[in-house]
């Protein structure tokens, strides 16, 4: 979502949107119910 990895193609764009949503909704959910919203950027994992 932050740095280019050619093999990740359009999923990189999707993850960038995901992280933006976390920030935007995190602000609103925090004000509403003190609910925390975070994303975890994990190492490449053999799933």
ModelCIF file with pLDDT and N, C-alpha, C, O atoms, coordinates in Angstrom:
data_MODEL
#
_entry.id   MODEL 
#
_entity.id                         1 
_entity.type                       polymer 
_entity.pdbx_number_of_molecules   1 
#
_entity_poly.entity_id                      1 
_entity_poly.type                           'polypeptide(L)' 
_entity_poly.nstd_linkage                   no 
_entity_poly.nstd_monomer                   no 
_entity_poly.pdbx_seq_one_letter_code       
;(UNK)(UNK)(UNK)(UNK)(UNK)(UNK)(UNK)(UNK)(UNK)(UNK)(UNK)(UNK)(UNK)(UNK)(UNK)(UNK)
(UNK)(UNK)(UNK)(UNK)(UNK)(UNK)(UNK)(UNK)(UNK)(UNK)(UNK)(UNK)(UNK)(UNK)(UNK)(UNK)
(UNK)(UNK)(UNK)(UNK)(UNK)(UNK)(UNK)(UNK)(UNK)(UNK)(UNK)(UNK)(UNK)(UNK)(UNK)
;
_entity_poly.pdbx_seq_one_letter_code_can   XXXXXXXXXXXXXXXXXXXXXXXXXXXXXXXXXXXXXXXXXXXXXXX 
_entity_poly.pdbx_strand_id                 A 
#
loop_
_entity_poly_seq.entity_id 
_entity_poly_seq.num 
_entity_poly_seq.mon_id 
_entity_poly_seq.hetero 
1 1  UNK n 
1 2  UNK n 
1 3  UNK n 
1 4  UNK n 
1 5  UNK n 
1 6  UNK n 
1 7  UNK n 
1 8  UNK n 
1 9  UNK n 
1 10 UNK n 
1 11 UNK n 
1 12 UNK n 
1 13 UNK n 
1 14 UNK n 
1 15 UNK n 
1 16 UNK n 
1 17 UNK n 
1 18 UNK n 
1 19 UNK n 
1 20 UNK n 
1 21 UNK n 
1 22 UNK n 
1 23 UNK n 
1 24 UNK n 
1 25 UNK n 
1 26 UNK n 
1 27 UNK n 
1 28 UNK n 
1 29 UNK n 
1 30 UNK n 
1 31 UNK n 
1 32 UNK n 
1 33 UNK n 
1 34 UNK n 
1 35 UNK n 
1 36 UNK n 
1 37 UNK n 
1 38 UNK n 
1 39 UNK n 
1 40 UNK n 
1 41 UNK n 
1 42 UNK n 
1 43 UNK n 
1 44 UNK n 
1 45 UNK n 
1 46 UNK n 
1 47 UNK n 
#
_struct_asym.id          A 
_struct_asym.entity_id   1 
#
loop_
_ma_qa_metric.id 
_ma_qa_metric.mode 
_ma_qa_metric.name 
_ma_qa_metric.software_group_id 
_ma_qa_metric.type 
1 global pLDDT . pLDDT 
2 local  pLDDT . pLDDT 
#
_ma_qa_metric_global.metric_id      1 
_ma_qa_metric_global.metric_value   95.60 
_ma_qa_metric_global.model_id       1 
_ma_qa_metric_global.ordinal_id     1 
#
loop_
_ma_qa_metric_local.label_asym_id 
_ma_qa_metric_local.label_comp_id 
_ma_qa_metric_local.label_seq_id 
_ma_qa_metric_local.metric_id 
_ma_qa_metric_local.metric_value 
_ma_qa_metric_local.model_id 
_ma_qa_metric_local.ordinal_id 
A UNK 1  2 95.00 1 1  
A UNK 2  2 94.00 1 2  
A UNK 3  2 94.00 1 3  
A UNK 4  2 92.00 1 4  
A UNK 5  2 89.00 1 5  
A UNK 6  2 89.00 1 6  
A UNK 7  2 87.00 1 7  
A UNK 8  2 91.00 1 8  
A UNK 9  2 95.00 1 9  
A UNK 10 2 97.00 1 10 
A UNK 11 2 96.00 1 11 
A UNK 12 2 97.00 1 12 
A UNK 13 2 98.00 1 13 
A UNK 14 2 98.00 1 14 
A UNK 15 2 98.00 1 15 
A UNK 16 2 98.00 1 16 
A UNK 17 2 98.00 1 17 
A UNK 18 2 98.00 1 18 
A UNK 19 2 98.00 1 19 
A UNK 20 2 98.00 1 20 
A UNK 21 2 98.00 1 21 
A UNK 22 2 98.00 1 22 
A UNK 23 2 98.00 1 23 
A UNK 24 2 98.00 1 24 
A UNK 25 2 98.00 1 25 
A UNK 26 2 98.00 1 26 
A UNK 27 2 98.00 1 27 
A UNK 28 2 98.00 1 28 
A UNK 29 2 98.00 1 29 
A UNK 30 2 98.00 1 30 
A UNK 31 2 98.00 1 31 
A UNK 32 2 97.00 1 32 
A UNK 33 2 97.00 1 33 
A UNK 34 2 98.00 1 34 
A UNK 35 2 98.00 1 35 
A UNK 36 2 98.00 1 36 
A UNK 37 2 99.00 1 37 
A UNK 38 2 99.00 1 38 
A UNK 39 2 98.00 1 39 
A UNK 40 2 98.00 1 40 
A UNK 41 2 98.00 1 41 
A UNK 42 2 97.00 1 42 
A UNK 43 2 95.00 1 43 
A UNK 44 2 92.00 1 44 
A UNK 45 2 91.00 1 45 
A UNK 46 2 84.00 1 46 
A UNK 47 2 76.00 1 47 
#
loop_
_atom_site.group_PDB 
_atom_site.id 
_atom_site.type_symbol 
_atom_site.label_atom_id 
_atom_site.label_alt_id 
_atom_site.label_comp_id 
_atom_site.label_asym_id 
_atom_site.label_entity_id 
_atom_site.label_seq_id 
_atom_site.pdbx_PDB_ins_code 
_atom_site.Cartn_x 
_atom_site.Cartn_y 
_atom_site.Cartn_z 
_atom_site.occupancy 
_atom_site.B_iso_or_equiv 
_atom_site.pdbx_formal_charge 
_atom_site.auth_seq_id 
_atom_site.auth_comp_id 
_atom_site.auth_asym_id 
_atom_site.auth_atom_id 
_atom_site.pdbx_PDB_model_num 
ATOM 1   N N  . UNK A 1 1  ? 0.829   -1.206  0.000  1.00 95.00 ? 1  UNK A N  1 
ATOM 2   C CA . UNK A 1 1  ? 0.000   0.000   0.000  1.00 95.00 ? 1  UNK A CA 1 
ATOM 3   C C  . UNK A 1 1  ? 0.864   1.256   0.000  1.00 95.00 ? 1  UNK A C  1 
ATOM 4   O O  . UNK A 1 1  ? 0.412   2.317   -0.430 1.00 95.00 ? 1  UNK A O  1 
ATOM 5   N N  . UNK A 1 2  ? 2.112   1.145   0.482  1.00 94.00 ? 2  UNK A N  1 
ATOM 6   C CA . UNK A 1 2  ? 3.007   2.304   0.536  1.00 94.00 ? 2  UNK A CA 1 
ATOM 7   C C  . UNK A 1 2  ? 4.171   2.220   -0.454 1.00 94.00 ? 2  UNK A C  1 
ATOM 8   O O  . UNK A 1 2  ? 4.620   3.239   -0.977 1.00 94.00 ? 2  UNK A O  1 
ATOM 9   N N  . UNK A 1 3  ? 4.651   1.014   -0.705 1.00 94.00 ? 3  UNK A N  1 
ATOM 10  C CA . UNK A 1 3  ? 5.815   0.825   -1.569 1.00 94.00 ? 3  UNK A CA 1 
ATOM 11  C C  . UNK A 1 3  ? 5.467   -0.181  -2.663 1.00 94.00 ? 3  UNK A C  1 
ATOM 12  O O  . UNK A 1 3  ? 4.690   -1.109  -2.442 1.00 94.00 ? 3  UNK A O  1 
ATOM 13  N N  . UNK A 1 4  ? 6.040   0.011   -3.822 1.00 92.00 ? 4  UNK A N  1 
ATOM 14  C CA . UNK A 1 4  ? 5.655   -0.800  -4.979 1.00 92.00 ? 4  UNK A CA 1 
ATOM 15  C C  . UNK A 1 4  ? 6.319   -2.172  -4.977 1.00 92.00 ? 4  UNK A C  1 
ATOM 16  O O  . UNK A 1 4  ? 7.541   -2.294  -4.901 1.00 92.00 ? 4  UNK A O  1 
ATOM 17  N N  . UNK A 1 5  ? 5.479   -3.196  -5.063 1.00 89.00 ? 5  UNK A N  1 
ATOM 18  C CA . UNK A 1 5  ? 5.919   -4.572  -5.243 1.00 89.00 ? 5  UNK A CA 1 
ATOM 19  C C  . UNK A 1 5  ? 5.202   -5.090  -6.485 1.00 89.00 ? 5  UNK A C  1 
ATOM 20  O O  . UNK A 1 5  ? 4.002   -5.361  -6.431 1.00 89.00 ? 5  UNK A O  1 
ATOM 21  N N  . UNK A 1 6  ? 5.912   -5.234  -7.602 1.00 89.00 ? 6  UNK A N  1 
ATOM 22  C CA . UNK A 1 6  ? 5.255   -5.512  -8.888 1.00 89.00 ? 6  UNK A CA 1 
ATOM 23  C C  . UNK A 1 6  ? 4.289   -6.686  -8.863 1.00 89.00 ? 6  UNK A C  1 
ATOM 24  O O  . UNK A 1 6  ? 3.255   -6.644  -9.530 1.00 89.00 ? 6  UNK A O  1 
ATOM 25  N N  . UNK A 1 7  ? 4.604   -7.735  -8.105 1.00 87.00 ? 7  UNK A N  1 
ATOM 26  C CA . UNK A 1 7  ? 3.753   -8.928  -8.116 1.00 87.00 ? 7  UNK A CA 1 
ATOM 27  C C  . UNK A 1 7  ? 2.409   -8.714  -7.426 1.00 87.00 ? 7  UNK A C  1 
ATOM 28  O O  . UNK A 1 7  ? 1.509   -9.541  -7.572 1.00 87.00 ? 7  UNK A O  1 
ATOM 29  N N  . UNK A 1 8  ? 2.256   -7.618  -6.675 1.00 91.00 ? 8  UNK A N  1 
ATOM 30  C CA . UNK A 1 8  ? 1.032   -7.416  -5.886 1.00 91.00 ? 8  UNK A CA 1 
ATOM 31  C C  . UNK A 1 8  ? -0.070  -6.717  -6.683 1.00 91.00 ? 8  UNK A C  1 
ATOM 32  O O  . UNK A 1 8  ? -1.214  -6.663  -6.232 1.00 91.00 ? 8  UNK A O  1 
ATOM 33  N N  . UNK A 1 9  ? 0.251   -6.197  -7.827 1.00 95.00 ? 9  UNK A N  1 
ATOM 34  C CA . UNK A 1 9  ? -0.649  -5.552  -8.795 1.00 95.00 ? 9  UNK A CA 1 
ATOM 35  C C  . UNK A 1 9  ? -1.813  -4.789  -8.146 1.00 95.00 ? 9  UNK A C  1 
ATOM 36  O O  . UNK A 1 9  ? -1.579  -3.913  -7.313 1.00 95.00 ? 9  UNK A O  1 
ATOM 37  N N  . UNK A 1 10 ? -3.063  -5.110  -8.515 1.00 97.00 ? 10 UNK A N  1 
ATOM 38  C CA . UNK A 1 10 ? -4.173  -4.274  -8.050 1.00 97.00 ? 10 UNK A CA 1 
ATOM 39  C C  . UNK A 1 10 ? -4.511  -4.465  -6.569 1.00 97.00 ? 10 UNK A C  1 
ATOM 40  O O  . UNK A 1 10 ? -5.254  -3.664  -6.002 1.00 97.00 ? 10 UNK A O  1 
ATOM 41  N N  . UNK A 1 11 ? -3.980  -5.503  -5.943 1.00 96.00 ? 11 UNK A N  1 
ATOM 42  C CA . UNK A 1 11 ? -4.190  -5.653  -4.504 1.00 96.00 ? 11 UNK A CA 1 
ATOM 43  C C  . UNK A 1 11 ? -3.491  -4.540  -3.731 1.00 96.00 ? 11 UNK A C  1 
ATOM 44  O O  . UNK A 1 11 ? -3.924  -4.183  -2.636 1.00 96.00 ? 11 UNK A O  1 
ATOM 45  N N  . UNK A 1 12 ? -2.414  -3.988  -4.290 1.00 97.00 ? 12 UNK A N  1 
ATOM 46  C CA . UNK A 1 12 ? -1.737  -2.869  -3.640 1.00 97.00 ? 12 UNK A CA 1 
ATOM 47  C C  . UNK A 1 12 ? -2.681  -1.669  -3.539 1.00 97.00 ? 12 UNK A C  1 
ATOM 48  O O  . UNK A 1 12 ? -2.720  -0.990  -2.512 1.00 97.00 ? 12 UNK A O  1 
ATOM 49  N N  . UNK A 1 13 ? -3.431  -1.412  -4.595 1.00 98.00 ? 13 UNK A N  1 
ATOM 50  C CA . UNK A 1 13 ? -4.395  -0.308  -4.589 1.00 98.00 ? 13 UNK A CA 1 
ATOM 51  C C  . UNK A 1 13 ? -5.523  -0.574  -3.588 1.00 98.00 ? 13 UNK A C  1 
ATOM 52  O O  . UNK A 1 13 ? -5.971  0.326   -2.878 1.00 98.00 ? 13 UNK A O  1 
ATOM 53  N N  . UNK A 1 14 ? -5.960  -1.808  -3.552 1.00 98.00 ? 14 UNK A N  1 
ATOM 54  C CA . UNK A 1 14 ? -7.022  -2.181  -2.605 1.00 98.00 ? 14 UNK A CA 1 
ATOM 55  C C  . UNK A 1 14 ? -6.565  -1.984  -1.160 1.00 98.00 ? 14 UNK A C  1 
ATOM 56  O O  . UNK A 1 14 ? -7.319  -1.480  -0.328 1.00 98.00 ? 14 UNK A O  1 
ATOM 57  N N  . UNK A 1 15 ? -5.327  -2.383  -0.868 1.00 98.00 ? 15 UNK A N  1 
ATOM 58  C CA . UNK A 1 15 ? -4.813  -2.229  0.497  1.00 98.00 ? 15 UNK A CA 1 
ATOM 59  C C  . UNK A 1 15 ? -4.633  -0.757  0.863  1.00 98.00 ? 15 UNK A C  1 
ATOM 60  O O  . UNK A 1 15 ? -4.827  -0.381  2.020  1.00 98.00 ? 15 UNK A O  1 
ATOM 61  N N  . UNK A 1 16 ? -4.264  0.083   -0.113 1.00 98.00 ? 16 UNK A N  1 
ATOM 62  C CA . UNK A 1 16 ? -4.152  1.513   0.151  1.00 98.00 ? 16 UNK A CA 1 
ATOM 63  C C  . UNK A 1 16 ? -5.513  2.096   0.541  1.00 98.00 ? 16 UNK A C  1 
ATOM 64  O O  . UNK A 1 16 ? -5.605  2.926   1.446  1.00 98.00 ? 16 UNK A O  1 
ATOM 65  N N  . UNK A 1 17 ? -6.558  1.659   -0.145 1.00 98.00 ? 17 UNK A N  1 
ATOM 66  C CA . UNK A 1 17 ? -7.909  2.110   0.196  1.00 98.00 ? 17 UNK A CA 1 
ATOM 67  C C  . UNK A 1 17 ? -8.314  1.589   1.571  1.00 98.00 ? 17 UNK A C  1 
ATOM 68  O O  . UNK A 1 17 ? -8.895  2.319   2.375  1.00 98.00 ? 17 UNK A O  1 
ATOM 69  N N  . UNK A 1 18 ? -8.003  0.317   1.834  1.00 98.00 ? 18 UNK A N  1 
ATOM 70  C CA . UNK A 1 18 ? -8.306  -0.278  3.139  1.00 98.00 ? 18 UNK A CA 1 
ATOM 71  C C  . UNK A 1 18 ? -7.707  0.553   4.268  1.00 98.00 ? 18 UNK A C  1 
ATOM 72  O O  . UNK A 1 18 ? -8.390  0.848   5.248  1.00 98.00 ? 18 UNK A O  1 
ATOM 73  N N  . UNK A 1 19 ? -6.448  0.928   4.142  1.00 98.00 ? 19 UNK A N  1 
ATOM 74  C CA . UNK A 1 19 ? -5.778  1.682   5.197  1.00 98.00 ? 19 UNK A CA 1 
ATOM 75  C C  . UNK A 1 19 ? -6.366  3.084   5.346  1.00 98.00 ? 19 UNK A C  1 
ATOM 76  O O  . UNK A 1 19 ? -6.460  3.605   6.457  1.00 98.00 ? 19 UNK A O  1 
ATOM 77  N N  . UNK A 1 20 ? -6.757  3.686   4.238  1.00 98.00 ? 20 UNK A N  1 
ATOM 78  C CA . UNK A 1 20 ? -7.407  4.996   4.302  1.00 98.00 ? 20 UNK A CA 1 
ATOM 79  C C  . UNK A 1 20 ? -8.756  4.908   5.012  1.00 98.00 ? 20 UNK A C  1 
ATOM 80  O O  . UNK A 1 20 ? -9.111  5.782   5.802  1.00 98.00 ? 20 UNK A O  1 
ATOM 81  N N  . UNK A 1 21 ? -9.495  3.850   4.724  1.00 98.00 ? 21 UNK A N  1 
ATOM 82  C CA . UNK A 1 21 ? -10.782 3.636   5.397  1.00 98.00 ? 21 UNK A CA 1 
ATOM 83  C C  . UNK A 1 21 ? -10.578 3.486   6.899  1.00 98.00 ? 21 UNK A C  1 
ATOM 84  O O  . UNK A 1 21 ? -11.371 4.002   7.687  1.00 98.00 ? 21 UNK A O  1 
ATOM 85  N N  . UNK A 1 22 ? -9.522  2.784   7.302  1.00 98.00 ? 22 UNK A N  1 
ATOM 86  C CA . UNK A 1 22 ? -9.233  2.609   8.737  1.00 98.00 ? 22 UNK A CA 1 
ATOM 87  C C  . UNK A 1 22 ? -9.045  3.958   9.415  1.00 98.00 ? 22 UNK A C  1 
ATOM 88  O O  . UNK A 1 22 ? -9.541  4.171   10.521 1.00 98.00 ? 22 UNK A O  1 
ATOM 89  N N  . UNK A 1 23 ? -8.337  4.865   8.763  1.00 98.00 ? 23 UNK A N  1 
ATOM 90  C CA . UNK A 1 23 ? -8.123  6.193   9.350  1.00 98.00 ? 23 UNK A CA 1 
ATOM 91  C C  . UNK A 1 23 ? -9.420  6.996   9.392  1.00 98.00 ? 23 UNK A C  1 
ATOM 92  O O  . UNK A 1 23 ? -9.761  7.596   10.412 1.00 98.00 ? 23 UNK A O  1 
ATOM 93  N N  . UNK A 1 24 ? -10.140 6.996   8.265  1.00 98.00 ? 24 UNK A N  1 
ATOM 94  C CA . UNK A 1 24 ? -11.347 7.814   8.176  1.00 98.00 ? 24 UNK A CA 1 
ATOM 95  C C  . UNK A 1 24 ? -12.445 7.326   9.114  1.00 98.00 ? 24 UNK A C  1 
ATOM 96  O O  . UNK A 1 24 ? -13.077 8.122   9.808  1.00 98.00 ? 24 UNK A O  1 
ATOM 97  N N  . UNK A 1 25 ? -12.671 6.003   9.133  1.00 98.00 ? 25 UNK A N  1 
ATOM 98  C CA . UNK A 1 25 ? -13.712 5.459   10.008 1.00 98.00 ? 25 UNK A CA 1 
ATOM 99  C C  . UNK A 1 25 ? -13.210 5.419   11.451 1.00 98.00 ? 25 UNK A C  1 
ATOM 100 O O  . UNK A 1 25 ? -13.996 5.545   12.390 1.00 98.00 ? 25 UNK A O  1 
ATOM 101 N N  . UNK A 1 26 ? -11.897 5.243   11.623 1.00 98.00 ? 26 UNK A N  1 
ATOM 102 C CA . UNK A 1 26 ? -11.346 5.210   12.970 1.00 98.00 ? 26 UNK A CA 1 
ATOM 103 C C  . UNK A 1 26 ? -11.603 6.499   13.725 1.00 98.00 ? 26 UNK A C  1 
ATOM 104 O O  . UNK A 1 26 ? -11.885 6.475   14.923 1.00 98.00 ? 26 UNK A O  1 
ATOM 105 N N  . UNK A 1 27 ? -11.506 7.628   13.032 1.00 98.00 ? 27 UNK A N  1 
ATOM 106 C CA . UNK A 1 27 ? -11.799 8.913   13.672 1.00 98.00 ? 27 UNK A CA 1 
ATOM 107 C C  . UNK A 1 27 ? -13.254 8.956   14.134 1.00 98.00 ? 27 UNK A C  1 
ATOM 108 O O  . UNK A 1 27 ? -13.553 9.329   15.268 1.00 98.00 ? 27 UNK A O  1 
ATOM 109 N N  . UNK A 1 28 ? -14.137 8.572   13.242 1.00 98.00 ? 28 UNK A N  1 
ATOM 110 C CA . UNK A 1 28 ? -15.566 8.667   13.550 1.00 98.00 ? 28 UNK A CA 1 
ATOM 111 C C  . UNK A 1 28 ? -15.994 7.659   14.615 1.00 98.00 ? 28 UNK A C  1 
ATOM 112 O O  . UNK A 1 28 ? -16.799 7.985   15.487 1.00 98.00 ? 28 UNK A O  1 
ATOM 113 N N  . UNK A 1 29 ? -15.461 6.440   14.550 1.00 98.00 ? 29 UNK A N  1 
ATOM 114 C CA . UNK A 1 29 ? -15.839 5.427   15.540 1.00 98.00 ? 29 UNK A CA 1 
ATOM 115 C C  . UNK A 1 29 ? -15.234 5.748   16.906 1.00 98.00 ? 29 UNK A C  1 
ATOM 116 O O  . UNK A 1 29 ? -15.809 5.428   17.946 1.00 98.00 ? 29 UNK A O  1 
ATOM 117 N N  . UNK A 1 30 ? -14.067 6.384   16.884 1.00 98.00 ? 30 UNK A N  1 
ATOM 118 C CA . UNK A 1 30 ? -13.464 6.796   18.140 1.00 98.00 ? 30 UNK A CA 1 
ATOM 119 C C  . UNK A 1 30 ? -14.292 7.861   18.837 1.00 98.00 ? 30 UNK A C  1 
ATOM 120 O O  . UNK A 1 30 ? -14.484 7.803   20.052 1.00 98.00 ? 30 UNK A O  1 
ATOM 121 N N  . UNK A 1 31 ? -14.782 8.829   18.081 1.00 98.00 ? 31 UNK A N  1 
ATOM 122 C CA . UNK A 1 31 ? -15.618 9.887   18.656 1.00 98.00 ? 31 UNK A CA 1 
ATOM 123 C C  . UNK A 1 31 ? -16.956 9.330   19.131 1.00 98.00 ? 31 UNK A C  1 
ATOM 124 O O  . UNK A 1 31 ? -17.512 9.781   20.133 1.00 98.00 ? 31 UNK A O  1 
ATOM 125 N N  . UNK A 1 32 ? -17.459 8.349   18.401 1.00 97.00 ? 32 UNK A N  1 
ATOM 126 C CA . UNK A 1 32 ? -18.801 7.811   18.676 1.00 97.00 ? 32 UNK A CA 1 
ATOM 127 C C  . UNK A 1 32 ? -18.826 6.872   19.873 1.00 97.00 ? 32 UNK A C  1 
ATOM 128 O O  . UNK A 1 32 ? -19.699 6.986   20.734 1.00 97.00 ? 32 UNK A O  1 
ATOM 129 N N  . UNK A 1 33 ? -17.861 5.934   19.934 1.00 97.00 ? 33 UNK A N  1 
ATOM 130 C CA . UNK A 1 33 ? -17.907 4.907   20.978 1.00 97.00 ? 33 UNK A CA 1 
ATOM 131 C C  . UNK A 1 33 ? -16.520 4.526   21.516 1.00 97.00 ? 33 UNK A C  1 
ATOM 132 O O  . UNK A 1 33 ? -16.360 3.485   22.153 1.00 97.00 ? 33 UNK A O  1 
ATOM 133 N N  . UNK A 1 34 ? -15.530 5.374   21.255 1.00 98.00 ? 34 UNK A N  1 
ATOM 134 C CA . UNK A 1 34 ? -14.157 5.049   21.673 1.00 98.00 ? 34 UNK A CA 1 
ATOM 135 C C  . UNK A 1 34 ? -13.688 3.699   21.089 1.00 98.00 ? 34 UNK A C  1 
ATOM 136 O O  . UNK A 1 34 ? -12.848 3.012   21.671 1.00 98.00 ? 34 UNK A O  1 
ATOM 137 N N  . UNK A 1 35 ? -14.248 3.349   19.939 1.00 98.00 ? 35 UNK A N  1 
ATOM 138 C CA . UNK A 1 35 ? -13.836 2.116   19.275 1.00 98.00 ? 35 UNK A CA 1 
ATOM 139 C C  . UNK A 1 35 ? -12.562 2.390   18.483 1.00 98.00 ? 35 UNK A C  1 
ATOM 140 O O  . UNK A 1 35 ? -12.478 3.376   17.750 1.00 98.00 ? 35 UNK A O  1 
ATOM 141 N N  . UNK A 1 36 ? -11.581 1.521   18.633 1.00 98.00 ? 36 UNK A N  1 
ATOM 142 C CA . UNK A 1 36 ? -10.298 1.652   17.936 1.00 98.00 ? 36 UNK A CA 1 
ATOM 143 C C  . UNK A 1 36 ? -10.342 0.917   16.598 1.00 98.00 ? 36 UNK A C  1 
ATOM 144 O O  . UNK A 1 36 ? -10.942 -0.150  16.472 1.00 98.00 ? 36 UNK A O  1 
ATOM 145 N N  . UNK A 1 37 ? -9.692  1.518   15.605 1.00 99.00 ? 37 UNK A N  1 
ATOM 146 C CA . UNK A 1 37 ? -9.604  0.893   14.281 1.00 99.00 ? 37 UNK A CA 1 
ATOM 147 C C  . UNK A 1 37 ? -8.147  0.964   13.820 1.00 99.00 ? 37 UNK A C  1 
ATOM 148 O O  . UNK A 1 37 ? -7.591  2.052   13.667 1.00 99.00 ? 37 UNK A O  1 
ATOM 149 N N  . UNK A 1 38 ? -7.543  -0.182  13.602 1.00 99.00 ? 38 UNK A N  1 
ATOM 150 C CA . UNK A 1 38 ? -6.143  -0.247  13.176 1.00 99.00 ? 38 UNK A CA 1 
ATOM 151 C C  . UNK A 1 38 ? -5.957  -1.289  12.083 1.00 99.00 ? 38 UNK A C  1 
ATOM 152 O O  . UNK A 1 38 ? -6.763  -2.207  11.934 1.00 99.00 ? 38 UNK A O  1 
ATOM 153 N N  . UNK A 1 39 ? -4.881  -1.129  11.324 1.00 98.00 ? 39 UNK A N  1 
ATOM 154 C CA . UNK A 1 39 ? -4.482  -2.149  10.365 1.00 98.00 ? 39 UNK A CA 1 
ATOM 155 C C  . UNK A 1 39 ? -3.109  -2.689  10.758 1.00 98.00 ? 39 UNK A C  1 
ATOM 156 O O  . UNK A 1 39 ? -2.270  -1.954  11.278 1.00 98.00 ? 39 UNK A O  1 
ATOM 157 N N  . UNK A 1 40 ? -2.892  -3.962  10.509 1.00 98.00 ? 40 UNK A N  1 
ATOM 158 C CA . UNK A 1 40 ? -1.606  -4.603  10.781 1.00 98.00 ? 40 UNK A CA 1 
ATOM 159 C C  . UNK A 1 40 ? -0.985  -5.012  9.455  1.00 98.00 ? 40 UNK A C  1 
ATOM 160 O O  . UNK A 1 40 ? -1.548  -5.809  8.705  1.00 98.00 ? 40 UNK A O  1 
ATOM 161 N N  . UNK A 1 41 ? 0.185   -4.450  9.184  1.00 98.00 ? 41 UNK A N  1 
ATOM 162 C CA . UNK A 1 41 ? 0.920   -4.740  7.957  1.00 98.00 ? 41 UNK A CA 1 
ATOM 163 C C  . UNK A 1 41 ? 1.915   -5.849  8.249  1.00 98.00 ? 41 UNK A C  1 
ATOM 164 O O  . UNK A 1 41 ? 2.980   -5.615  8.820  1.00 98.00 ? 41 UNK A O  1 
ATOM 165 N N  . UNK A 1 42 ? 1.556   -7.047  7.852  1.00 97.00 ? 42 UNK A N  1 
ATOM 166 C CA . UNK A 1 42 ? 2.282   -8.257  8.207  1.00 97.00 ? 42 UNK A CA 1 
ATOM 167 C C  . UNK A 1 42 ? 3.374   -8.604  7.199  1.00 97.00 ? 42 UNK A C  1 
ATOM 168 O O  . UNK A 1 42 ? 3.278   -8.262  6.021  1.00 97.00 ? 42 UNK A O  1 
ATOM 169 N N  . UNK A 1 43 ? 4.402   -9.279  7.673  1.00 95.00 ? 43 UNK A N  1 
ATOM 170 C CA . UNK A 1 43 ? 5.421   -9.845  6.783  1.00 95.00 ? 43 UNK A CA 1 
ATOM 171 C C  . UNK A 1 43 ? 4.768   -10.725 5.719  1.00 95.00 ? 43 UNK A C  1 
ATOM 172 O O  . UNK A 1 43 ? 3.657   -11.212 5.928  1.00 95.00 ? 43 UNK A O  1 
ATOM 173 N N  . UNK A 1 44 ? 5.438   -10.938 4.577  1.00 92.00 ? 44 UNK A N  1 
ATOM 174 C CA . UNK A 1 44 ? 4.931   -11.956 3.649  1.00 92.00 ? 44 UNK A CA 1 
ATOM 175 C C  . UNK A 1 44 ? 4.811   -13.281 4.401  1.00 92.00 ? 44 UNK A C  1 
ATOM 176 O O  . UNK A 1 44 ? 5.756   -13.735 5.046  1.00 92.00 ? 44 UNK A O  1 
ATOM 177 N N  . UNK A 1 45 ? 3.641   -13.881 4.305  1.00 91.00 ? 45 UNK A N  1 
ATOM 178 C CA . UNK A 1 45 ? 3.328   -15.068 5.112  1.00 91.00 ? 45 UNK A CA 1 
ATOM 179 C C  . UNK A 1 45 ? 2.813   -16.169 4.188  1.00 91.00 ? 45 UNK A C  1 
ATOM 180 O O  . UNK A 1 45 ? 1.917   -15.922 3.380  1.00 91.00 ? 45 UNK A O  1 
ATOM 181 N N  . UNK A 1 46 ? 3.358   -17.367 4.292  1.00 84.00 ? 46 UNK A N  1 
ATOM 182 C CA . UNK A 1 46 ? 2.961   -18.450 3.377  1.00 84.00 ? 46 UNK A CA 1 
ATOM 183 C C  . UNK A 1 46 ? 1.574   -19.018 3.685  1.00 84.00 ? 46 UNK A C  1 
ATOM 184 O O  . UNK A 1 46 ? 1.442   -20.134 4.187  1.00 84.00 ? 46 UNK A O  1 
ATOM 185 N N  . UNK A 1 47 ? 0.551   -18.228 3.377  1.00 76.00 ? 47 UNK A N  1 
ATOM 186 C CA . UNK A 1 47 ? -0.830  -18.683 3.513  1.00 76.00 ? 47 UNK A CA 1 
ATOM 187 C C  . UNK A 1 47 ? -1.302  -19.251 2.179  1.00 76.00 ? 47 UNK A C  1 
ATOM 188 O O  . UNK A 1 47 ? -2.444  -19.695 2.066  1.00 76.00 ? 47 UNK A O  1 
#
